Amino acid sequence: MATAQSCAGSHAADPATAAQLAWWRGAVIYQIYPRSFRDTNGDGIGDLAGIADGLDYIADLGVDGIWISPFFTSPMKDFGYDVADYCGIDPSFGTFADFDRIIEKAHRLGLKVIIDQVYSHTSDEHAWFAESRADRTNPKADWYVWADPKPDGSPPSNWQSVFGGSAWQWDGPRKQYYLHNFLTSQPDLNVHNRDVQDALLDVARFWLARGVDGFRLDALNFSMHDPDLRDNPPSGVPMEQVTRPFDMQVKQFNQSHPDITGFLERIRATIDEFPGRFTVAEVGGPEPLAEMKAFTEGGKRLDSAYNFDFLYAPRLTAPLVRASLSQWSDEPGEGWPSWAFSNHDAPRAVTRWTLDGDMARAARLNLLLLLSLRGNPIIYQGEELGLPQGEVAFEDLLDPEAIANWPHTLGRDGARTPMPWAANAPQAGFSSANRTWLKLDPVHTGFAVDSQAADPASTLGYARQLLAARRRYPALVHGAITLLDAPEDILAFLRHGESGEVLCVFNLGEAPGHWSPPADLGPFQLIATESTVDTGGALAQDMAPGTGYWAVVAGS
């Protein structure tokens, strides 16, 4: 069993060279959801040993690093995002020896290791919360967000939880309400409190000293609230367009407090004690750009941020991509964006964005686009296989959000079903257990790794070739980007740098399109399309819907 280890007393790593400090710029990150990646002990739950075993597969894919979702001690009511011990490993995932093996093997294979940090809330089983709720005078009394009821006994404000209902929960021992932006079992930390910040920074040092190469910071804009507890105004969104009360408010006061940036500067100072590390923030909400830029401004906060522009988009359109790309100008002091089309919180993109039933083509087009964007592409496990959203029956659902909103959303469980490794093995090679924590979708066995690995024409074979091609053209990794004039459904841009230029063009509409590059550019030859890599040949001006290409100046 993995035991808790002290978060204090860590020491900084040796200095790194200036070149090493920028390894993350343009790096491709592969997200691992541990519960569903690979099970080695037969309990039906993926584990750290399974991640270590799968690192060869990930390295062969051609990515630069991995991001591991939470594996910390937790009651698993939100499957690890309810942390009960920031410096402990949950026994269901393994031990510190297993984690150290991941670090050692990943680094030997040339992979960086990024882990989640959840600084906005903990589990109600965390020792900090147990002490905080005991009374109003203990040393941690102000470590969480507590407030008295209104005179009529109702909650202190109208704030709503992401998972439905009031964001306030009455607590008998304190005779106060506590704030929970998510589940009632996930009380919000009072990150305004500098002692809380100090404790969280000690957590960061603990894992940095253990060898991790950076952090993905979860739900970061929820980490501070309005101390005056003012009511949120209504959003005005029509009832038929919402699935939860949370969407009926402008989240003006329960999140996105301006003091968050001061805490980020403290995080950055801590990170800088360990040169060469990387930080990327998750920034949700309907208008995340200002926060993303504030969180990454001036080289004194975080390195990168991503939002939900694509994660919940029902359609992939050229106007959507143009709008997202145009928000980042590469001006001095501006941060570096990251991009994700799928992850553990959102229905898989290939299911959301396939219009004509050709999922294989859609999966390849998604990869072609994702890997051409200026920023850090994040590939979610199974995306390289073209894995669609898993079908999960209501009686098998575990995600509290999916259960509460059934059947109006696809929920999160369908993106979290087990990874298929072997088409003809029990549980598709994920586990030897008779039952896995989420049931495997039988359709997914047809996408198994072993059925695609030897076929260069498969989605996996295409992903490997495309990632290799991206490495051959540095402009695609860290070059600038220039959007080109094109019809509404055609997305066209140049990635360019000292090493040359790559022209990237996509027809994201539902009808054939016509486009050719400006006369002063080119002539170009193809290096990749949505169906193949290293194609050669001239560009076609007529593009079928759902197609795209990369091209370079002929002879370069």
Protein backbone atom coordinates (compact mmCIF):
# COMPACT_ATOMS: atom_id res chain seq x y z
CA MET A 1 0.00 0.00 0.00
CA ALA A 2 1.21 3.48 -0.83
CA THR A 3 1.53 5.62 2.24
CA ALA A 4 1.34 9.38 2.58
CA GLN A 5 4.67 11.14 2.45
CA SER A 6 5.45 14.58 3.83
CA CYS A 7 5.03 17.45 1.39
CA ALA A 8 7.67 19.56 3.14
CA GLY A 9 11.44 19.45 3.09
CA SER A 10 11.96 19.08 -0.67
CA HIS A 11 14.96 20.58 -2.41
CA ALA A 12 15.50 22.18 -5.80
CA ALA A 13 16.91 20.26 -8.73
CA ASP A 14 20.18 21.08 -10.44
CA PRO A 15 20.12 24.05 -12.86
CA ALA A 16 19.29 23.28 -16.49
CA THR A 17 20.59 24.89 -19.64
CA ALA A 18 18.62 27.57 -21.44
CA ALA A 19 17.85 25.12 -24.24
CA GLN A 20 16.24 22.67 -21.83
CA LEU A 21 13.98 25.39 -20.45
CA ALA A 22 12.04 25.52 -23.72
CA TRP A 23 11.49 21.78 -24.32
CA TRP A 24 7.76 22.24 -23.90
CA ARG A 25 7.25 24.86 -26.63
CA GLY A 26 5.31 22.97 -29.28
CA ALA A 27 5.62 19.65 -27.45
CA VAL A 28 2.91 17.03 -28.08
CA ILE A 29 1.46 15.75 -24.81
CA TYR A 30 -0.37 12.40 -24.49
CA GLN A 31 -3.01 12.39 -21.76
CA ILE A 32 -3.39 9.21 -19.72
CA TYR A 33 -6.53 8.57 -17.67
CA PRO A 34 -5.03 6.01 -15.26
CA ARG A 35 -8.22 4.11 -14.36
CA SER A 36 -8.76 3.22 -18.00
CA PHE A 37 -5.28 2.91 -19.49
CA ARG A 38 -4.03 -0.54 -18.43
CA ASP A 39 -4.72 -2.87 -15.48
CA THR A 40 -1.88 -5.14 -14.35
CA ASN A 41 -3.23 -6.63 -11.11
CA GLY A 42 -6.61 -7.87 -12.34
CA ASP A 43 -8.86 -5.69 -10.21
CA GLY A 44 -10.50 -4.06 -13.22
CA ILE A 45 -8.91 -0.65 -12.58
CA GLY A 46 -5.99 0.74 -14.53
CA ASP A 47 -2.87 1.34 -12.47
CA LEU A 48 0.56 2.97 -12.43
CA ALA A 49 2.28 -0.28 -13.34
CA GLY A 50 0.07 -0.36 -16.43
CA ILE A 51 1.22 3.12 -17.36
CA ALA A 52 4.86 2.07 -16.99
CA ASP A 53 4.23 -0.96 -19.20
CA GLY A 54 2.54 1.24 -21.83
CA LEU A 55 5.32 3.81 -22.08
CA ASP A 56 7.04 1.98 -24.96
CA TYR A 57 3.83 2.23 -26.98
CA ILE A 58 3.54 5.95 -26.21
CA ALA A 59 7.18 6.62 -27.06
CA ASP A 60 6.78 4.74 -30.37
CA LEU A 61 3.81 6.97 -31.14
CA GLY A 62 6.23 9.91 -31.31
CA VAL A 63 4.90 12.31 -28.66
CA ASP A 64 7.10 14.36 -26.33
CA GLY A 65 5.51 13.76 -22.96
CA ILE A 66 2.62 12.34 -20.96
CA TRP A 67 0.08 13.97 -18.68
CA ILE A 68 -1.26 11.60 -16.01
CA SER A 69 -4.66 12.42 -14.51
CA PRO A 70 -4.91 12.16 -10.69
CA PHE A 71 -3.66 9.02 -8.95
CA PHE A 72 -3.53 10.54 -5.45
CA THR A 73 -5.22 9.16 -2.34
CA SER A 74 -8.95 9.67 -2.84
CA PRO A 75 -12.38 8.24 -1.97
CA MET A 76 -12.96 8.35 -5.77
CA LYS A 77 -16.33 10.08 -5.64
CA ASP A 78 -15.03 12.17 -8.54
CA PHE A 79 -12.48 9.54 -9.55
CA GLY A 80 -9.35 11.18 -8.21
CA TYR A 81 -10.21 14.85 -8.60
CA ASP A 82 -11.36 14.68 -4.96
CA VAL A 83 -7.94 14.48 -3.32
CA ALA A 84 -7.69 13.20 0.25
CA ASP A 85 -3.87 13.34 0.41
CA TYR A 86 -1.90 15.38 -2.12
CA CYS A 87 1.30 13.53 -1.28
CA GLY A 88 -0.07 10.01 -1.21
CA ILE A 89 -0.83 7.48 -3.94
CA ASP A 90 -4.17 5.73 -3.83
CA PRO A 91 -3.69 1.98 -3.27
CA SER A 92 -5.96 1.24 -6.25
CA PHE A 93 -3.26 2.72 -8.48
CA GLY A 94 -0.18 1.22 -6.82
CA THR A 95 2.82 2.49 -4.91
CA PHE A 96 5.55 5.09 -5.00
CA ALA A 97 7.83 2.43 -6.43
CA ASP A 98 5.44 2.16 -9.38
CA PHE A 99 5.45 5.93 -9.82
CA ASP A 100 9.25 6.12 -9.61
CA ARG A 101 9.41 3.44 -12.30
CA ILE A 102 7.26 5.65 -14.55
CA ILE A 103 9.60 8.60 -14.04
CA GLU A 104 12.74 6.56 -14.68
CA LYS A 105 11.41 4.74 -17.73
CA ALA A 106 9.75 7.79 -19.28
CA HIS A 107 12.92 9.82 -19.01
CA ARG A 108 14.96 6.95 -20.44
CA LEU A 109 12.58 6.87 -23.42
CA GLY A 110 12.82 10.65 -23.88
CA LEU A 111 9.34 11.39 -22.51
CA LYS A 112 8.51 14.16 -20.05
CA VAL A 113 6.02 13.47 -17.24
CA ILE A 114 3.32 15.98 -16.30
CA ILE A 115 0.82 15.32 -13.52
CA ASP A 116 -2.41 16.96 -12.40
CA GLN A 117 -2.57 19.36 -9.47
CA VAL A 118 -5.99 20.18 -8.01
CA TYR A 119 -5.66 23.42 -6.06
CA SER A 120 -9.27 24.65 -5.97
CA HIS A 121 -10.75 21.97 -3.72
CA THR A 122 -10.07 18.74 -1.84
CA SER A 123 -12.07 15.74 -0.75
CA ASP A 124 -14.10 16.13 2.44
CA GLU A 125 -11.97 13.21 3.69
CA HIS A 126 -8.79 15.30 3.56
CA ALA A 127 -7.20 15.82 6.98
CA TRP A 128 -7.20 19.57 6.37
CA PHE A 129 -10.98 19.61 6.08
CA ALA A 130 -11.48 17.36 9.10
CA GLU A 131 -9.55 19.89 11.19
CA SER A 132 -11.18 22.92 9.57
CA ARG A 133 -14.74 21.78 10.24
CA ALA A 134 -14.09 20.90 13.90
CA ASP A 135 -14.70 24.45 15.14
CA ARG A 136 -14.20 28.08 14.17
CA THR A 137 -10.95 28.67 16.09
CA ASN A 138 -8.59 25.83 15.10
CA PRO A 139 -5.42 26.56 13.06
CA LYS A 140 -7.10 25.49 9.82
CA ALA A 141 -10.48 27.08 10.53
CA ASP A 142 -10.01 29.46 7.59
CA TRP A 143 -8.48 26.95 5.17
CA TYR A 144 -11.83 26.37 3.45
CA VAL A 145 -14.62 28.74 2.40
CA TRP A 146 -17.05 28.93 5.33
CA ALA A 147 -19.94 31.35 5.75
CA ASP A 148 -22.91 31.92 8.00
CA PRO A 149 -26.42 31.46 6.64
CA LYS A 150 -28.62 34.38 5.72
CA PRO A 151 -31.07 35.41 8.47
CA ASP A 152 -33.68 33.06 6.97
CA GLY A 153 -31.28 30.11 7.11
CA SER A 154 -30.71 29.98 3.36
CA PRO A 155 -27.24 29.74 1.77
CA PRO A 156 -24.95 32.81 1.82
CA SER A 157 -25.30 33.42 -1.94
CA ASN A 158 -27.09 32.10 -5.02
CA TRP A 159 -24.00 30.36 -6.42
CA GLN A 160 -24.68 27.06 -8.17
CA SER A 161 -22.57 23.90 -8.31
CA VAL A 162 -21.26 22.52 -11.59
CA PHE A 163 -22.95 19.23 -10.73
CA GLY A 164 -26.32 20.82 -9.97
CA GLY A 165 -27.95 22.55 -7.02
CA SER A 166 -26.57 25.09 -4.58
CA ALA A 167 -22.80 25.44 -4.28
CA TRP A 168 -23.26 25.69 -0.51
CA GLN A 169 -23.59 22.75 1.89
CA TRP A 170 -24.70 23.07 5.52
CA ASP A 171 -22.23 21.57 8.00
CA GLY A 172 -23.45 20.64 11.47
CA PRO A 173 -20.13 20.71 13.38
CA ARG A 174 -19.38 24.29 12.29
CA LYS A 175 -22.99 25.47 12.05
CA GLN A 176 -22.00 27.15 8.82
CA TYR A 177 -22.17 26.54 5.12
CA TYR A 178 -19.10 25.54 3.14
CA LEU A 179 -18.56 26.23 -0.55
CA HIS A 180 -18.31 23.40 -3.08
CA ASN A 181 -18.20 24.34 -6.74
CA PHE A 182 -18.37 20.66 -7.64
CA LEU A 183 -19.66 17.74 -5.53
CA THR A 184 -20.76 18.33 -1.94
CA SER A 185 -17.84 16.03 -1.03
CA GLN A 186 -15.39 18.47 -2.67
CA PRO A 187 -15.16 21.50 -0.35
CA ASP A 188 -13.41 24.53 -1.84
CA LEU A 189 -10.09 25.60 -0.39
CA ASN A 190 -9.75 29.22 0.68
CA VAL A 191 -6.80 29.98 -1.57
CA HIS A 192 -6.96 33.63 -0.52
CA ASN A 193 -5.34 32.33 2.70
CA ARG A 194 -1.56 32.51 2.35
CA ASP A 195 -1.11 29.50 4.65
CA VAL A 196 -3.18 27.46 2.18
CA GLN A 197 -1.02 28.73 -0.66
CA ASP A 198 2.12 27.76 1.26
CA ALA A 199 0.77 24.24 1.80
CA LEU A 200 -0.08 23.86 -1.89
CA LEU A 201 3.36 25.11 -2.92
CA ASP A 202 4.88 22.47 -0.64
CA VAL A 203 2.81 19.90 -2.54
CA ALA A 204 4.27 21.19 -5.80
CA ARG A 205 7.81 20.97 -4.45
CA PHE A 206 7.19 17.40 -3.28
CA TRP A 207 6.32 16.16 -6.77
CA LEU A 208 8.90 18.30 -8.53
CA ALA A 209 11.62 16.86 -6.31
CA ARG A 210 10.24 13.41 -7.16
CA GLY A 211 11.13 14.08 -10.80
CA VAL A 212 7.98 15.28 -12.55
CA ASP A 213 8.51 17.68 -15.44
CA GLY A 214 5.48 19.86 -14.84
CA PHE A 215 1.86 20.24 -13.91
CA ARG A 216 -1.54 20.53 -15.49
CA LEU A 217 -3.50 22.73 -13.09
CA ASP A 218 -7.13 21.64 -12.80
CA ALA A 219 -10.10 24.05 -12.59
CA LEU A 220 -7.71 26.87 -11.82
CA ASN A 221 -10.21 29.71 -12.22
CA PHE A 222 -12.31 28.16 -9.43
CA SER A 223 -9.48 28.59 -6.92
CA MET A 224 -10.58 31.98 -5.57
CA HIS A 225 -14.00 33.50 -4.88
CA ASP A 226 -15.44 36.92 -4.07
CA PRO A 227 -14.94 37.35 -0.29
CA ASP A 228 -18.11 39.49 -0.13
CA LEU A 229 -20.14 36.52 -1.41
CA ARG A 230 -22.16 38.63 -3.84
CA ASP A 231 -24.87 36.91 -5.89
CA ASN A 232 -24.11 36.00 -9.47
CA PRO A 233 -26.28 37.70 -12.11
CA PRO A 234 -28.44 35.58 -14.44
CA SER A 235 -26.87 34.52 -17.73
CA GLY A 236 -30.04 34.98 -19.74
CA VAL A 237 -29.46 31.64 -21.47
CA PRO A 238 -32.86 30.18 -22.47
CA MET A 239 -33.99 27.21 -20.40
CA GLU A 240 -34.10 24.92 -23.43
CA GLN A 241 -30.35 25.48 -23.91
CA VAL A 242 -29.24 24.54 -20.38
CA THR A 243 -28.94 21.22 -18.60
CA ARG A 244 -28.10 22.52 -15.12
CA PRO A 245 -28.69 25.64 -12.99
CA PHE A 246 -24.94 26.38 -13.17
CA ASP A 247 -25.43 27.46 -16.80
CA MET A 248 -28.11 29.98 -15.80
CA GLN A 249 -25.65 32.31 -14.09
CA VAL A 250 -22.74 34.50 -15.14
CA LYS A 251 -19.99 33.15 -12.89
CA GLN A 252 -18.90 36.62 -11.85
CA PHE A 253 -18.29 36.07 -8.14
CA ASN A 254 -17.76 32.37 -7.41
CA GLN A 255 -14.69 32.08 -9.64
CA SER A 256 -12.12 34.06 -11.65
CA HIS A 257 -11.12 36.41 -8.84
CA PRO A 258 -8.34 38.82 -9.93
CA ASP A 259 -6.11 37.76 -7.02
CA ILE A 260 -5.58 34.37 -8.67
CA THR A 261 -2.76 35.84 -10.74
CA GLY A 262 -0.82 36.72 -7.59
CA PHE A 263 -0.99 33.08 -6.53
CA LEU A 264 0.18 32.04 -10.00
CA GLU A 265 3.27 34.19 -9.59
CA ARG A 266 4.02 32.31 -6.38
CA ILE A 267 3.53 29.02 -8.24
CA ARG A 268 5.91 30.21 -10.96
CA ALA A 269 8.54 31.20 -8.41
CA THR A 270 8.27 27.72 -6.91
CA ILE A 271 8.45 26.03 -10.31
CA ASP A 272 11.55 28.07 -11.14
CA GLU A 273 13.34 26.41 -8.23
CA PHE A 274 13.33 23.37 -10.56
CA PRO A 275 14.46 24.62 -14.00
CA GLY A 276 13.03 23.11 -17.15
CA ARG A 277 9.55 22.42 -15.81
CA PHE A 278 6.25 23.19 -17.57
CA THR A 279 2.85 24.40 -16.37
CA VAL A 280 -0.45 24.39 -18.27
CA ALA A 281 -3.75 25.59 -16.85
CA GLU A 282 -7.25 24.37 -17.58
CA VAL A 283 -9.46 27.43 -18.00
CA GLY A 284 -13.18 26.76 -18.41
CA GLY A 285 -16.06 29.12 -18.96
CA PRO A 286 -17.84 30.81 -21.86
CA GLU A 287 -15.26 33.60 -22.25
CA PRO A 288 -11.91 32.18 -21.12
CA LEU A 289 -9.50 34.17 -23.28
CA ALA A 290 -8.85 37.05 -20.88
CA GLU A 291 -8.07 34.59 -18.09
CA MET A 292 -5.87 32.42 -20.29
CA LYS A 293 -3.81 35.45 -21.24
CA ALA A 294 -3.69 36.77 -17.68
CA PHE A 295 -2.64 33.36 -16.36
CA THR A 296 0.26 33.16 -18.84
CA GLU A 297 1.29 36.80 -19.07
CA GLY A 298 4.81 38.15 -19.06
CA GLY A 299 6.77 34.98 -18.38
CA LYS A 300 6.15 35.33 -14.62
CA ARG A 301 3.07 33.15 -14.28
CA LEU A 302 2.28 29.91 -16.13
CA ASP A 303 3.67 28.71 -19.44
CA SER A 304 0.46 27.74 -21.18
CA ALA A 305 -3.31 27.36 -20.91
CA TYR A 306 -6.11 25.67 -22.78
CA ASN A 307 -9.87 26.14 -22.77
CA PHE A 308 -12.98 24.33 -23.90
CA ASP A 309 -13.26 25.97 -27.36
CA PHE A 310 -13.14 22.52 -28.95
CA LEU A 311 -13.89 20.12 -26.10
CA TYR A 312 -17.64 20.68 -26.18
CA ALA A 313 -18.07 22.05 -29.70
CA PRO A 314 -20.81 20.06 -31.48
CA ARG A 315 -19.23 20.85 -34.85
CA LEU A 316 -15.72 21.50 -36.08
CA THR A 317 -15.95 24.56 -38.31
CA ALA A 318 -13.46 26.87 -39.99
CA PRO A 319 -14.91 29.98 -38.27
CA LEU A 320 -14.49 28.31 -34.86
CA VAL A 321 -10.84 27.46 -35.51
CA ARG A 322 -10.08 30.86 -37.03
CA ALA A 323 -11.60 32.61 -34.02
CA SER A 324 -9.55 30.49 -31.60
CA LEU A 325 -6.27 30.93 -33.48
CA SER A 326 -6.70 34.66 -34.03
CA GLN A 327 -6.89 35.27 -30.28
CA TRP A 328 -3.17 34.50 -29.93
CA SER A 329 -0.93 37.03 -31.63
CA ASP A 330 2.53 35.96 -30.39
CA GLU A 331 3.16 39.46 -29.05
CA PRO A 332 5.98 39.90 -26.51
CA GLY A 333 4.83 38.82 -23.04
CA GLU A 334 1.93 36.75 -24.35
CA GLY A 335 1.64 33.16 -23.19
CA TRP A 336 1.66 30.01 -25.29
CA PRO A 337 -1.64 28.22 -26.03
CA SER A 338 -2.35 24.51 -25.71
CA TRP A 339 -5.09 22.68 -27.61
CA ALA A 340 -7.22 19.63 -26.86
CA PHE A 341 -10.04 18.20 -28.98
CA SER A 342 -10.87 15.39 -26.50
CA ASN A 343 -10.18 14.58 -22.87
CA HIS A 344 -11.59 12.77 -19.84
CA ASP A 345 -14.25 15.45 -19.27
CA ALA A 346 -15.67 15.75 -22.79
CA PRO A 347 -17.30 13.42 -25.33
CA ARG A 348 -14.77 12.19 -27.85
CA ALA A 349 -14.32 14.56 -30.78
CA VAL A 350 -14.56 11.91 -33.48
CA THR A 351 -18.12 11.16 -32.35
CA ARG A 352 -19.11 14.83 -32.08
CA TRP A 353 -17.58 15.84 -35.41
CA THR A 354 -18.29 12.95 -37.81
CA LEU A 355 -20.93 14.12 -40.28
CA ASP A 356 -20.99 11.41 -42.95
CA GLY A 357 -20.27 8.30 -40.87
CA ASP A 358 -16.64 8.01 -42.00
CA MET A 359 -15.09 8.02 -38.53
CA ALA A 360 -11.67 6.88 -39.74
CA ARG A 361 -11.36 9.89 -42.04
CA ALA A 362 -12.66 12.22 -39.32
CA ALA A 363 -10.13 10.85 -36.83
CA ARG A 364 -7.26 11.44 -39.27
CA LEU A 365 -8.51 14.92 -40.17
CA ASN A 366 -8.71 15.80 -36.46
CA LEU A 367 -5.10 14.71 -35.95
CA LEU A 368 -3.96 16.59 -39.05
CA LEU A 369 -5.55 19.79 -37.75
CA LEU A 370 -4.58 19.39 -34.08
CA LEU A 371 -0.93 18.78 -34.92
CA SER A 372 -0.77 21.84 -37.18
CA LEU A 373 -1.97 24.42 -34.64
CA ARG A 374 0.50 26.83 -33.07
CA GLY A 375 0.79 25.67 -29.49
CA ASN A 376 0.93 22.41 -27.56
CA PRO A 377 -1.32 19.66 -28.96
CA ILE A 378 -2.75 17.34 -26.30
CA ILE A 379 -3.76 13.88 -27.54
CA TYR A 380 -6.17 11.99 -25.30
CA GLN A 381 -5.59 8.25 -24.95
CA GLY A 382 -7.37 6.40 -27.76
CA GLU A 383 -7.52 9.46 -29.99
CA GLU A 384 -4.63 8.00 -31.98
CA LEU A 385 -6.77 4.89 -32.53
CA GLY A 386 -9.79 6.83 -33.78
CA LEU A 387 -11.68 5.60 -30.72
CA PRO A 388 -15.30 6.84 -30.69
CA GLN A 389 -17.35 7.73 -27.62
CA GLY A 390 -18.12 4.56 -25.67
CA GLU A 391 -21.72 3.51 -25.18
CA VAL A 392 -22.54 3.24 -21.46
CA ALA A 393 -25.99 2.13 -20.36
CA PHE A 394 -27.71 4.18 -17.68
CA GLU A 395 -27.41 1.37 -15.13
CA ASP A 396 -23.64 1.27 -15.70
CA LEU A 397 -23.00 5.02 -15.38
CA LEU A 398 -20.67 6.18 -12.60
CA ASP A 399 -20.14 9.84 -13.51
CA PRO A 400 -22.31 11.95 -11.17
CA GLU A 401 -22.78 14.62 -13.84
CA ALA A 402 -23.95 12.09 -16.43
CA ILE A 403 -26.36 10.50 -13.98
CA ALA A 404 -27.83 13.87 -12.96
CA ASN A 405 -28.32 15.03 -16.56
CA TRP A 406 -29.30 11.76 -18.22
CA PRO A 407 -30.16 11.51 -21.10
CA HIS A 408 -29.57 15.12 -22.18
CA THR A 409 -25.77 14.92 -22.41
CA LEU A 410 -23.29 12.29 -23.53
CA GLY A 411 -21.61 12.60 -20.13
CA ARG A 412 -18.03 11.77 -19.27
CA ASP A 413 -18.11 7.99 -18.79
CA GLY A 414 -18.19 7.32 -22.53
CA ALA A 415 -14.81 9.04 -22.88
CA ARG A 416 -13.38 7.09 -19.93
CA THR A 417 -14.08 3.48 -20.94
CA PRO A 418 -11.09 1.09 -20.97
CA MET A 419 -8.37 1.38 -23.60
CA PRO A 420 -8.50 -1.56 -26.06
CA TRP A 421 -5.10 -3.21 -26.43
CA ALA A 422 -5.80 -6.65 -27.96
CA ALA A 423 -8.82 -7.40 -30.14
CA ASN A 424 -9.13 -11.09 -29.24
CA ALA A 425 -8.19 -10.95 -25.55
CA PRO A 426 -10.66 -10.77 -22.64
CA GLN A 427 -11.59 -7.14 -21.92
CA ALA A 428 -9.66 -6.25 -25.10
CA GLY A 429 -6.40 -6.76 -23.24
CA PHE A 430 -7.08 -3.97 -20.74
CA SER A 431 -7.58 -6.28 -17.75
CA SER A 432 -7.88 -9.92 -16.76
CA ALA A 433 -10.83 -9.08 -14.49
CA ASN A 434 -14.30 -10.41 -15.25
CA ARG A 435 -15.67 -6.90 -14.80
CA THR A 436 -13.86 -3.61 -15.25
CA TRP A 437 -14.65 -0.40 -13.38
CA LEU A 438 -16.47 0.87 -16.48
CA LYS A 439 -17.66 -1.68 -18.98
CA LEU A 440 -15.71 -1.95 -22.20
CA ASP A 441 -17.77 -0.97 -25.24
CA PRO A 442 -17.64 -4.08 -27.51
CA VAL A 443 -17.35 -1.78 -30.53
CA HIS A 444 -13.97 -0.63 -29.24
CA THR A 445 -12.37 -4.06 -29.72
CA GLY A 446 -12.31 -3.28 -33.45
CA PHE A 447 -10.00 -0.33 -32.69
CA ALA A 448 -7.52 -2.31 -30.56
CA VAL A 449 -3.85 -1.41 -30.63
CA ASP A 450 -2.73 -4.85 -31.85
CA SER A 451 -5.14 -4.74 -34.81
CA GLN A 452 -3.71 -1.40 -35.97
CA ALA A 453 -0.05 -1.48 -34.93
CA ALA A 454 1.32 -3.31 -37.98
CA ASP A 455 -0.89 -1.54 -40.51
CA PRO A 456 0.55 1.77 -41.76
CA ALA A 457 -2.85 2.58 -43.31
CA SER A 458 -4.63 2.35 -39.92
CA THR A 459 -5.45 5.41 -37.83
CA LEU A 460 -2.63 4.46 -35.44
CA GLY A 461 -0.21 4.01 -38.34
CA TYR A 462 -1.27 7.38 -39.71
CA ALA A 463 -0.82 9.06 -36.30
CA ARG A 464 2.72 7.70 -35.99
CA GLN A 465 3.65 8.87 -39.50
CA LEU A 466 2.07 12.27 -38.98
CA LEU A 467 3.90 12.88 -35.70
CA ALA A 468 7.17 11.90 -37.38
CA ALA A 469 6.46 14.30 -40.26
CA ARG A 470 5.72 17.10 -37.79
CA ARG A 471 9.15 16.64 -36.23
CA ARG A 472 10.79 16.98 -39.64
CA TYR A 473 9.30 20.45 -40.13
CA PRO A 474 10.20 22.68 -37.13
CA ALA A 475 7.81 25.39 -38.34
CA LEU A 476 4.96 23.07 -37.27
CA VAL A 477 6.47 22.68 -33.81
CA HIS A 478 7.26 26.23 -32.71
CA GLY A 479 6.86 28.45 -35.76
CA ALA A 480 4.59 31.47 -36.05
CA ILE A 481 1.20 31.31 -37.72
CA THR A 482 -0.45 33.51 -40.35
CA LEU A 483 -4.11 33.03 -41.28
CA LEU A 484 -4.80 33.30 -45.01
CA ASP A 485 -7.93 34.63 -46.72
CA ALA A 486 -10.23 31.79 -47.71
CA PRO A 487 -13.95 31.03 -48.15
CA GLU A 488 -15.92 30.61 -44.93
CA ASP A 489 -15.65 26.82 -44.75
CA ILE A 490 -11.99 26.68 -45.79
CA LEU A 491 -9.34 27.11 -43.10
CA ALA A 492 -5.93 28.06 -44.48
CA PHE A 493 -2.80 29.21 -42.66
CA LEU A 494 0.97 29.26 -42.87
CA ARG A 495 3.24 27.97 -40.13
CA HIS A 496 6.60 29.65 -40.64
CA GLY A 497 9.99 30.16 -39.06
CA GLU A 498 13.67 30.28 -39.88
CA SER A 499 13.51 26.67 -41.05
CA GLY A 500 10.86 27.35 -43.69
CA GLU A 501 7.11 27.36 -44.20
CA VAL A 502 4.31 24.80 -44.06
CA LEU A 503 0.96 25.53 -45.67
CA CYS A 504 -2.00 23.98 -43.84
CA VAL A 505 -5.43 23.89 -45.50
CA PHE A 506 -8.70 22.22 -44.45
CA ASN A 507 -12.22 22.05 -45.85
CA LEU A 508 -14.32 21.87 -42.70
CA GLY A 509 -17.63 22.45 -44.44
CA GLU A 510 -20.25 20.00 -45.66
CA ALA A 511 -19.82 20.79 -49.36
CA PRO A 512 -16.89 20.71 -51.81
CA GLY A 513 -14.70 23.80 -51.65
CA HIS A 514 -12.28 25.55 -53.96
CA TRP A 515 -9.10 27.31 -52.81
CA SER A 516 -5.57 27.88 -54.04
CA PRO A 517 -2.69 29.66 -52.29
CA PRO A 518 -1.85 33.26 -53.26
CA ALA A 519 0.33 33.54 -56.36
CA ASP A 520 3.27 34.93 -54.39
CA LEU A 521 3.46 31.75 -52.30
CA GLY A 522 4.79 28.40 -53.42
CA PRO A 523 4.81 26.43 -55.63
CA PHE A 524 3.91 23.83 -53.04
CA GLN A 525 4.05 20.06 -52.85
CA LEU A 526 2.03 17.88 -50.48
CA ILE A 527 3.63 16.30 -47.43
CA ALA A 528 0.45 15.01 -45.76
CA THR A 529 -3.29 14.75 -46.30
CA GLU A 530 -6.12 13.42 -44.15
CA SER A 531 -5.54 9.97 -45.67
CA THR A 532 -1.78 9.61 -46.06
CA VAL A 533 1.64 11.08 -45.17
CA ASP A 534 4.68 11.82 -47.38
CA THR A 535 2.49 12.06 -50.43
CA GLY A 536 4.42 14.39 -52.74
CA GLY A 537 2.70 15.88 -55.76
CA ALA A 538 0.93 19.14 -56.50
CA LEU A 539 -1.95 20.70 -54.62
CA ALA A 540 -5.54 20.15 -55.68
CA GLN A 541 -7.58 23.35 -55.78
CA ASP A 542 -10.87 21.48 -55.35
CA MET A 543 -11.30 19.98 -51.88
CA ALA A 544 -13.92 17.48 -50.80
CA PRO A 545 -15.61 18.14 -47.43
CA GLY A 546 -13.72 16.79 -44.45
CA THR A 547 -10.32 16.88 -46.14
CA GLY A 548 -7.07 18.74 -45.55
CA TYR A 549 -3.38 18.82 -46.27
CA TRP A 550 0.06 20.05 -45.27
CA ALA A 551 2.38 21.30 -48.01
CA VAL A 552 5.86 22.79 -48.34
CA VAL A 553 7.57 24.78 -51.05
CA ALA A 554 8.49 22.37 -53.83
CA GLY A 555 12.05 21.13 -53.55
CA SER A 556 12.49 22.14 -49.88
